[in-house]
Amino acid sequence: MWRTRLITGAALAGLAGTLIAGAPGQATPVLPDPIADEAAEVAAFYTPPADRVDGTHGSVIQLRPINGDPGVAGARNYLVLYRSVDMRGNPVAVSGTLAVPDWDAPPGGWPLISWAHGTTGVADTCAPSKDTSAEFPAHDYTSLVRKVQAQWIAAGYAIAQTDYQGLGTPGPHGYLIGPAEQRAVTDMARAAREVDPEIGTRWVAMGHSQGGQAAVFSDAQAQQWAPELQLLGAVALAPASHQGIGLQASHMATAIGVSNVLTPVLGGSTSFLPLIIRGAQTVADIDPTRFLTPRTASMVSLADSGCIAQLRDSQEWGGIPANEVFSPTGDMSALTRVLNENDPSTLTFTQPLLVLQGRADTTVPALATDAMVVQQRTAGQPVQYRTYPGVDHRGVLEASYTDALNWVDGRFGR
């Protein structure tokens, strides 16, 4: 549950002083005005007045302490609303959480991991920071992530986790739009230092699935976006890649009547399709009726209110046979163009990347990640790759922890 009592009086003055000291010259974060109704108070947190959104990207708009979920065990936890910039250059408010180890910081400050979460949905209700109970639609996933994050806290790392632009906050969520995700991840790292000045300037981007793609984009673009911070590298667990090629293959398979044959290779992507469409629509004019069947075109709007668990239901996208998704004669070139432009396989970066993949993954197939790594290595990118036999999409979070810890410790010289 949220701790609904707002920080006031001397406590607020002390907090504001700490925040100002941690980020000279930036706007002073403030706590939202109290509202009698708790649900309205929480909703108001995510929708600040428009005149408070403008400002330096990565600066804090407001924050409040977290007691219980979605906090991470062993840490001081905060719900944070901060500023970023969308793909049209407009300032936007983004929500996220910050967990800081509950003991004294080491010399040089806490090493920071800016965590990019996997797919929960594009509807505001799907934002991981809204997971306050087991009734949250993606609680089975977000609670698993927090268990892994608790291990990082115990190892002495601060964990900042963005909800991404438009997920929980006003505006559309650019699902799988790499630069938008990178901005959210990097600006969350900047905001973390403003909340707690004992967090150091060195950081690593880390993400799973959708967040794995975001981590690769952060490795390529974050240093330029936040030059005052020192990015040491990125860790991508089961990163989404080759989405455009996968959809083109699915469409072609539908046209020649063999769509069911490709299902084991392409993974269980049908339920993700409305999310992919909504994400692409944030940067391009995408008309789903041009390539979907009438039935599936009418179901894209389910993504606007339901999270991935609902979309996977047999009464929704999870119940649609593979050969009934696409119109055999449809034109999906506009969609695949966006996906290809946001594929992490062709990015260039100088800081090292660690890729971790379960070989039994049916959501992000290992073959897709293999291909991404081959492309990156062929282009001379500094990539290390480790795979885990018999490990599925979520299982890689725990199975790879020791390898990830050793690699990240090495980046920080610990």
Protein backbone atom coordinates (compact mmCIF):
# COMPACT_ATOMS: atom_id res chain seq x y z
CA MET A 1 0.00 0.00 0.00
CA TRP A 2 1.05 3.57 -0.55
CA ARG A 3 1.97 5.55 2.52
CA THR A 4 -0.72 8.19 2.04
CA ARG A 5 0.53 10.64 4.68
CA LEU A 6 2.41 13.33 2.79
CA ILE A 7 5.72 14.67 4.00
CA THR A 8 5.10 18.08 5.52
CA GLY A 9 6.64 20.76 7.73
CA ALA A 10 10.23 20.23 8.81
CA ALA A 11 10.44 16.91 6.99
CA LEU A 12 9.49 18.51 3.68
CA ALA A 13 11.97 21.34 4.24
CA GLY A 14 14.72 18.84 4.94
CA LEU A 15 13.84 16.74 1.91
CA ALA A 16 13.69 19.78 -0.36
CA GLY A 17 17.08 20.91 0.92
CA THR A 18 18.55 17.51 0.17
CA LEU A 19 17.08 17.52 -3.31
CA ILE A 20 18.33 21.00 -4.09
CA ALA A 21 21.80 20.10 -2.86
CA GLY A 22 21.80 17.01 -5.08
CA ALA A 23 20.94 18.87 -8.29
CA PRO A 24 22.00 22.53 -8.31
CA GLY A 25 20.07 24.80 -10.62
CA GLN A 26 17.16 22.42 -11.23
CA ALA A 27 13.53 23.01 -10.27
CA THR A 28 12.74 22.14 -6.67
CA PRO A 29 10.61 18.98 -6.50
CA VAL A 30 7.44 19.27 -4.44
CA LEU A 31 4.96 16.81 -3.07
CA PRO A 32 1.41 16.81 -4.44
CA ASP A 33 -1.29 18.62 -2.52
CA PRO A 34 -3.24 16.30 -0.20
CA ILE A 35 -6.64 15.09 -1.40
CA ALA A 36 -9.24 13.56 0.88
CA ASP A 37 -9.91 10.57 -1.38
CA GLU A 38 -6.95 8.16 -1.49
CA ALA A 39 -7.66 6.86 -5.00
CA ALA A 40 -7.98 10.41 -6.31
CA GLU A 41 -4.76 11.34 -4.54
CA VAL A 42 -2.82 8.54 -6.22
CA ALA A 43 -4.37 9.34 -9.61
CA ALA A 44 -3.47 13.00 -9.18
CA PHE A 45 0.16 12.07 -8.58
CA TYR A 46 0.46 10.76 -12.14
CA THR A 47 -1.27 13.76 -13.75
CA PRO A 48 0.48 16.97 -12.65
CA PRO A 49 -0.72 20.38 -13.82
CA ALA A 50 0.62 21.21 -17.28
CA ASP A 51 2.60 24.18 -16.00
CA ARG A 52 4.71 21.89 -13.81
CA VAL A 53 5.79 19.53 -16.59
CA ASP A 54 8.07 21.93 -18.45
CA GLY A 55 11.67 21.88 -17.23
CA THR A 56 15.02 20.13 -17.52
CA HIS A 57 14.68 16.50 -18.60
CA GLY A 58 15.61 14.21 -15.75
CA SER A 59 14.51 16.69 -13.07
CA VAL A 60 11.95 15.68 -10.46
CA ILE A 61 8.40 17.01 -10.45
CA GLN A 62 7.25 15.35 -7.25
CA LEU A 63 7.80 12.26 -5.14
CA ARG A 64 6.38 10.33 -2.21
CA PRO A 65 7.65 7.49 -0.06
CA ILE A 66 6.52 3.90 -0.66
CA ASN A 67 5.75 1.52 2.17
CA GLY A 68 5.13 -2.02 0.90
CA ASP A 69 4.56 -2.83 -2.77
CA PRO A 70 5.88 -1.76 -5.20
CA GLY A 71 8.88 -1.15 -2.98
CA VAL A 72 11.94 -3.40 -2.99
CA ALA A 73 12.92 -5.24 0.20
CA GLY A 74 15.93 -3.89 2.09
CA ALA A 75 15.63 -0.40 0.64
CA ARG A 76 14.21 3.05 1.11
CA ASN A 77 11.64 3.33 -1.66
CA TYR A 78 10.12 6.29 -3.48
CA LEU A 79 7.50 6.88 -6.12
CA VAL A 80 8.93 9.52 -8.45
CA LEU A 81 7.42 11.72 -11.13
CA TYR A 82 10.06 13.28 -13.36
CA ARG A 83 10.49 15.10 -16.67
CA SER A 84 11.46 13.66 -20.02
CA VAL A 85 11.03 14.53 -23.72
CA ASP A 86 8.80 12.65 -26.15
CA MET A 87 9.60 11.83 -29.78
CA ARG A 88 8.05 15.09 -30.95
CA GLY A 89 10.29 17.14 -28.67
CA ASN A 90 7.59 17.93 -26.12
CA PRO A 91 8.19 17.79 -22.35
CA VAL A 92 6.34 14.94 -20.65
CA ALA A 93 5.93 13.64 -17.11
CA VAL A 94 7.14 10.09 -16.50
CA SER A 95 6.62 7.97 -13.40
CA GLY A 96 8.96 5.47 -11.83
CA THR A 97 10.29 4.07 -8.57
CA LEU A 98 13.61 4.36 -6.76
CA ALA A 99 15.03 1.89 -4.25
CA VAL A 100 18.16 2.84 -2.28
CA PRO A 101 19.91 0.43 0.12
CA ASP A 102 18.91 1.13 3.70
CA TRP A 103 22.43 1.66 5.02
CA ASP A 104 25.32 4.07 4.56
CA ALA A 105 26.52 4.70 1.02
CA PRO A 106 30.05 3.62 0.03
CA PRO A 107 32.74 6.15 -0.99
CA GLY A 108 31.78 7.66 -4.32
CA GLY A 109 28.09 7.05 -3.74
CA TRP A 110 25.74 4.20 -4.53
CA PRO A 111 26.38 2.48 -7.86
CA LEU A 112 23.16 2.81 -9.84
CA ILE A 113 21.20 0.43 -12.04
CA SER A 114 18.48 2.03 -14.14
CA TRP A 115 16.11 -0.86 -14.73
CA ALA A 116 13.88 -1.16 -17.81
CA HIS A 117 10.96 -3.49 -17.19
CA GLY A 118 9.45 -6.03 -19.54
CA THR A 119 6.06 -5.86 -21.20
CA THR A 120 3.09 -5.15 -18.95
CA GLY A 121 0.89 -3.30 -21.47
CA VAL A 122 0.30 0.19 -22.82
CA ALA A 123 -2.73 1.16 -20.72
CA ASP A 124 -2.01 3.46 -17.77
CA THR A 125 -3.26 0.84 -15.33
CA CYS A 126 -0.39 -1.44 -16.40
CA ALA A 127 2.41 0.78 -15.04
CA PRO A 128 4.57 -1.30 -12.65
CA SER A 129 4.66 1.52 -10.10
CA LYS A 130 0.92 0.97 -9.64
CA ASP A 131 1.45 -2.58 -8.37
CA THR A 132 0.27 -2.13 -4.79
CA SER A 133 -1.31 -5.59 -4.32
CA ALA A 134 -1.67 -9.06 -5.78
CA GLU A 135 -4.66 -7.78 -7.75
CA PHE A 136 -2.40 -5.75 -10.06
CA PRO A 137 -2.80 -7.28 -13.55
CA ALA A 138 0.92 -7.99 -13.97
CA HIS A 139 1.71 -8.75 -10.31
CA ASP A 140 3.09 -12.21 -11.11
CA TYR A 141 5.74 -10.58 -13.28
CA THR A 142 6.48 -7.38 -11.36
CA SER A 143 6.74 -9.21 -8.03
CA LEU A 144 9.26 -11.60 -9.59
CA VAL A 145 11.29 -8.65 -10.86
CA ARG A 146 11.30 -7.10 -7.38
CA LYS A 147 12.68 -10.32 -5.88
CA VAL A 148 15.60 -10.12 -8.28
CA GLN A 149 16.01 -6.40 -7.61
CA ALA A 150 16.15 -7.16 -3.88
CA GLN A 151 19.25 -9.25 -4.61
CA TRP A 152 20.82 -6.24 -6.31
CA ILE A 153 19.93 -4.07 -3.32
CA ALA A 154 21.55 -6.61 -0.99
CA ALA A 155 24.63 -6.48 -3.21
CA GLY A 156 24.84 -2.72 -2.64
CA TYR A 157 23.22 -1.22 -5.74
CA ALA A 158 20.53 1.45 -5.96
CA ILE A 159 17.73 0.53 -8.37
CA ALA A 160 15.80 3.12 -10.39
CA GLN A 161 12.94 1.80 -12.51
CA THR A 162 11.00 3.86 -15.02
CA ASP A 163 7.43 3.13 -16.09
CA TYR A 164 8.36 4.57 -19.55
CA GLN A 165 6.72 7.54 -21.21
CA GLY A 166 2.93 7.39 -21.32
CA LEU A 167 2.59 4.30 -19.13
CA GLY A 168 0.76 5.50 -16.03
CA THR A 169 1.12 9.14 -17.07
CA PRO A 170 -0.68 11.25 -19.72
CA GLY A 171 0.03 10.56 -23.37
CA PRO A 172 0.57 7.36 -25.38
CA HIS A 173 3.21 4.80 -24.49
CA GLY A 174 5.80 4.27 -27.23
CA TYR A 175 6.01 0.50 -26.81
CA LEU A 176 9.24 -0.77 -28.42
CA ILE A 177 10.17 2.71 -29.63
CA GLY A 178 13.82 2.56 -28.60
CA PRO A 179 14.78 6.25 -28.37
CA ALA A 180 11.70 7.06 -26.25
CA GLU A 181 12.47 4.16 -23.91
CA GLN A 182 16.10 5.23 -23.69
CA ARG A 183 15.10 8.74 -22.68
CA ALA A 184 12.85 7.39 -19.94
CA VAL A 185 15.57 5.05 -18.63
CA THR A 186 18.30 7.71 -18.70
CA ASP A 187 16.16 10.50 -17.28
CA MET A 188 15.15 8.13 -14.46
CA ALA A 189 18.86 7.79 -13.65
CA ARG A 190 19.19 11.59 -13.55
CA ALA A 191 16.09 11.90 -11.36
CA ALA A 192 17.43 9.26 -8.97
CA ARG A 193 20.45 11.42 -8.17
CA GLU A 194 18.18 14.38 -7.53
CA VAL A 195 16.11 12.36 -5.07
CA ASP A 196 19.17 10.97 -3.27
CA PRO A 197 22.50 12.79 -3.78
CA GLU A 198 24.31 9.80 -2.24
CA ILE A 199 23.74 7.99 -5.55
CA GLY A 200 26.92 8.25 -7.62
CA THR A 201 27.36 9.43 -11.20
CA ARG A 202 28.29 5.97 -12.54
CA TRP A 203 25.48 3.74 -13.73
CA VAL A 204 24.47 0.72 -15.79
CA ALA A 205 21.31 0.26 -17.85
CA MET A 206 19.61 -3.09 -17.34
CA GLY A 207 16.40 -4.47 -18.76
CA HIS A 208 14.34 -7.54 -19.56
CA SER A 209 12.36 -8.29 -22.73
CA GLN A 210 10.93 -4.93 -23.84
CA GLY A 211 13.38 -3.52 -21.32
CA GLY A 212 16.21 -5.54 -22.84
CA GLN A 213 15.66 -3.64 -26.08
CA ALA A 214 15.57 -0.40 -24.05
CA ALA A 215 18.88 -1.32 -22.40
CA VAL A 216 20.60 -1.75 -25.77
CA PHE A 217 19.26 1.63 -26.94
CA SER A 218 20.51 3.13 -23.68
CA ASP A 219 23.95 1.68 -24.30
CA ALA A 220 23.96 3.40 -27.69
CA GLN A 221 22.35 6.75 -26.85
CA ALA A 222 22.35 7.48 -23.10
CA GLN A 223 25.80 9.02 -22.77
CA GLN A 224 24.91 11.74 -25.25
CA TRP A 225 21.50 12.25 -23.60
CA ALA A 226 22.98 12.65 -20.10
CA PRO A 227 26.67 13.53 -20.51
CA GLU A 228 27.10 14.44 -16.83
CA LEU A 229 26.56 10.78 -15.90
CA GLN A 230 29.03 8.01 -16.69
CA LEU A 231 27.39 5.03 -18.38
CA LEU A 232 29.50 1.92 -17.81
CA GLY A 233 27.55 -0.45 -20.03
CA ALA A 234 24.27 -2.28 -20.30
CA VAL A 235 22.75 -5.68 -19.54
CA ALA A 236 19.99 -6.94 -21.84
CA LEU A 237 18.01 -9.99 -20.72
CA ALA A 238 15.99 -11.64 -23.51
CA PRO A 239 15.89 -8.38 -25.50
CA ALA A 240 13.12 -7.89 -28.04
CA SER A 241 14.57 -7.80 -31.56
CA HIS A 242 13.66 -8.58 -35.18
CA GLN A 243 10.01 -7.73 -34.58
CA GLY A 244 9.58 -6.41 -38.10
CA ILE A 245 11.06 -9.51 -39.70
CA GLY A 246 8.95 -11.72 -37.46
CA LEU A 247 5.70 -10.01 -38.43
CA GLN A 248 6.62 -10.07 -42.10
CA ALA A 249 7.26 -13.80 -41.85
CA SER A 250 3.94 -14.32 -40.07
CA HIS A 251 2.12 -12.32 -42.72
CA MET A 252 3.78 -14.26 -45.52
CA ALA A 253 2.97 -17.54 -43.80
CA THR A 254 -0.67 -16.49 -43.64
CA ALA A 255 -0.67 -15.64 -47.34
CA ILE A 256 0.59 -19.11 -48.30
CA GLY A 257 -1.37 -20.99 -45.64
CA VAL A 258 1.42 -22.21 -43.34
CA SER A 259 1.14 -19.77 -40.42
CA ASN A 260 0.87 -22.52 -37.79
CA VAL A 261 4.22 -23.95 -38.89
CA LEU A 262 6.04 -20.74 -37.91
CA THR A 263 4.56 -20.46 -34.42
CA PRO A 264 7.38 -22.37 -32.62
CA VAL A 265 10.01 -20.23 -34.38
CA LEU A 266 8.43 -16.80 -34.01
CA GLY A 267 7.26 -17.23 -30.42
CA GLY A 268 3.91 -16.45 -28.83
CA SER A 269 3.68 -12.95 -30.30
CA THR A 270 -0.02 -12.71 -31.19
CA SER A 271 -1.05 -11.17 -27.86
CA PHE A 272 1.71 -8.56 -28.19
CA LEU A 273 0.53 -7.37 -31.60
CA PRO A 274 -1.97 -4.73 -30.40
CA LEU A 275 0.75 -3.32 -28.12
CA ILE A 276 3.20 -3.22 -31.03
CA ILE A 277 0.62 -1.40 -33.16
CA ARG A 278 -0.15 1.15 -30.44
CA GLY A 279 3.56 1.78 -29.93
CA ALA A 280 4.22 2.29 -33.63
CA GLN A 281 1.28 4.68 -33.85
CA THR A 282 3.13 7.09 -31.55
CA VAL A 283 5.67 7.81 -34.31
CA ALA A 284 3.88 6.97 -37.58
CA ASP A 285 0.47 6.82 -39.23
CA ILE A 286 -0.37 3.14 -38.83
CA ASP A 287 -3.80 1.90 -39.98
CA PRO A 288 -4.40 -1.64 -38.64
CA THR A 289 -7.28 -2.22 -41.06
CA ARG A 290 -4.71 -2.30 -43.88
CA PHE A 291 -3.18 -5.58 -42.70
CA LEU A 292 -5.38 -7.18 -40.03
CA THR A 293 -8.58 -9.15 -40.53
CA PRO A 294 -11.79 -7.29 -39.64
CA ARG A 295 -12.00 -9.29 -36.41
CA THR A 296 -8.49 -8.49 -35.18
CA ALA A 297 -8.63 -4.87 -36.36
CA SER A 298 -11.66 -4.39 -34.12
CA MET A 299 -9.72 -5.84 -31.17
CA VAL A 300 -6.69 -3.53 -31.23
CA SER A 301 -8.49 -1.16 -28.84
CA LEU A 302 -8.43 -3.86 -26.14
CA ALA A 303 -4.84 -2.77 -25.50
CA ASP A 304 -6.10 0.63 -24.36
CA SER A 305 -7.64 -0.81 -21.20
CA GLY A 306 -6.19 -4.28 -20.65
CA CYS A 307 -2.68 -5.40 -19.72
CA ILE A 308 -0.77 -8.27 -21.30
CA ALA A 309 -2.38 -10.88 -19.04
CA GLN A 310 -5.85 -9.83 -20.25
CA LEU A 311 -4.73 -9.74 -23.88
CA ARG A 312 -3.44 -13.31 -23.54
CA ASP A 313 -6.85 -14.53 -22.38
CA SER A 314 -8.53 -17.05 -24.66
CA GLN A 315 -11.47 -14.66 -25.05
CA GLU A 316 -9.17 -11.92 -26.34
CA TRP A 317 -5.99 -12.07 -28.45
CA GLY A 318 -4.83 -15.30 -26.87
CA GLY A 319 -7.71 -17.17 -28.48
CA ILE A 320 -7.05 -16.09 -32.08
CA PRO A 321 -5.54 -18.79 -34.33
CA ALA A 322 -2.36 -17.73 -36.08
CA ASN A 323 -3.96 -17.98 -39.52
CA GLU A 324 -6.75 -15.53 -38.58
CA VAL A 325 -4.62 -12.58 -37.49
CA PHE A 326 -3.50 -11.02 -40.78
CA SER A 327 -5.31 -10.28 -43.99
CA PRO A 328 -3.48 -12.37 -46.64
CA THR A 329 -3.41 -9.45 -49.08
CA GLY A 330 -2.82 -6.69 -46.53
CA ASP A 331 -0.03 -4.10 -46.55
CA MET A 332 1.92 -3.87 -43.29
CA SER A 333 4.95 -2.05 -44.69
CA ALA A 334 4.36 1.07 -42.56
CA LEU A 335 4.36 -1.00 -39.37
CA THR A 336 7.39 -3.10 -40.24
CA ARG A 337 9.30 0.04 -41.22
CA VAL A 338 8.84 1.43 -37.70
CA LEU A 339 9.83 -1.86 -36.12
CA ASN A 340 12.93 -2.20 -38.27
CA GLU A 341 13.97 1.36 -37.39
CA ASN A 342 13.71 0.42 -33.71
CA ASP A 343 15.52 -2.90 -33.92
CA PRO A 344 18.51 -2.96 -31.53
CA SER A 345 20.53 -5.25 -33.79
CA THR A 346 21.98 -2.44 -35.91
CA LEU A 347 22.88 0.02 -33.14
CA THR A 348 26.45 1.13 -32.54
CA PHE A 349 27.88 1.64 -29.07
CA THR A 350 31.23 1.95 -27.36
CA GLN A 351 30.35 0.78 -23.84
CA PRO A 352 30.13 -3.00 -23.45
CA LEU A 353 26.86 -4.91 -23.64
CA LEU A 354 26.06 -8.17 -21.85
CA VAL A 355 23.23 -10.19 -23.42
CA LEU A 356 21.57 -12.96 -21.41
CA GLN A 357 19.09 -15.38 -23.01
CA GLY A 358 17.18 -18.52 -22.00
CA ARG A 359 17.26 -21.17 -24.71
CA ALA A 360 13.74 -22.37 -23.86
CA ASP A 361 12.26 -18.89 -24.27
CA THR A 362 9.10 -18.90 -26.44
CA THR A 363 8.34 -15.18 -25.99
CA VAL A 364 11.67 -13.85 -27.25
CA PRO A 365 13.03 -16.86 -29.16
CA ALA A 366 16.70 -17.58 -28.65
CA LEU A 367 17.19 -17.68 -32.43
CA ALA A 368 16.22 -14.00 -32.64
CA THR A 369 18.71 -13.05 -29.92
CA ASP A 370 21.38 -15.21 -31.55
CA ALA A 371 20.85 -13.25 -34.77
CA MET A 372 21.00 -9.91 -32.96
CA VAL A 373 24.31 -10.78 -31.31
CA VAL A 374 25.79 -12.04 -34.59
CA GLN A 375 24.85 -8.75 -36.29
CA GLN A 376 26.33 -6.70 -33.48
CA ARG A 377 29.55 -8.68 -33.30
CA THR A 378 29.95 -8.64 -37.08
CA ALA A 379 29.75 -4.84 -36.88
CA GLY A 380 32.46 -4.80 -34.23
CA GLN A 381 30.28 -3.96 -31.23
CA PRO A 382 31.56 -4.96 -27.75
CA VAL A 383 29.04 -7.70 -26.91
CA GLN A 384 29.27 -10.62 -24.51
CA TYR A 385 26.61 -13.33 -24.79
CA ARG A 386 25.54 -16.03 -22.35
CA THR A 387 22.70 -18.49 -22.76
CA TYR A 388 20.92 -20.82 -20.35
CA PRO A 389 19.66 -24.22 -21.54
CA GLY A 390 16.13 -25.09 -20.42
CA VAL A 391 15.45 -21.58 -19.11
CA ASP A 392 12.33 -19.73 -20.27
CA HIS A 393 11.52 -16.05 -20.71
CA ARG A 394 10.98 -15.13 -17.08
CA GLY A 395 13.32 -17.75 -15.71
CA VAL A 396 16.32 -15.93 -17.18
CA LEU A 397 15.87 -13.19 -14.55
CA GLU A 398 16.98 -15.47 -11.73
CA ALA A 399 19.08 -17.93 -13.74
CA SER A 400 21.40 -15.18 -14.99
CA TYR A 401 21.69 -13.16 -11.77
CA THR A 402 25.13 -14.41 -10.72
CA ASP A 403 26.60 -13.85 -14.18
CA ALA A 404 25.03 -10.39 -14.36
CA LEU A 405 26.28 -9.48 -10.88
CA ASN A 406 29.84 -10.54 -11.65
CA TRP A 407 29.80 -8.57 -14.91
CA VAL A 408 28.31 -5.44 -13.35
CA ASP A 409 30.66 -5.65 -10.36
CA GLY A 410 33.50 -5.73 -12.85
CA ARG A 411 32.23 -2.63 -14.64
CA PHE A 412 32.16 -0.76 -11.33
CA GLY A 413 35.55 -2.15 -10.27
CA ARG A 414 34.09 -3.82 -7.20
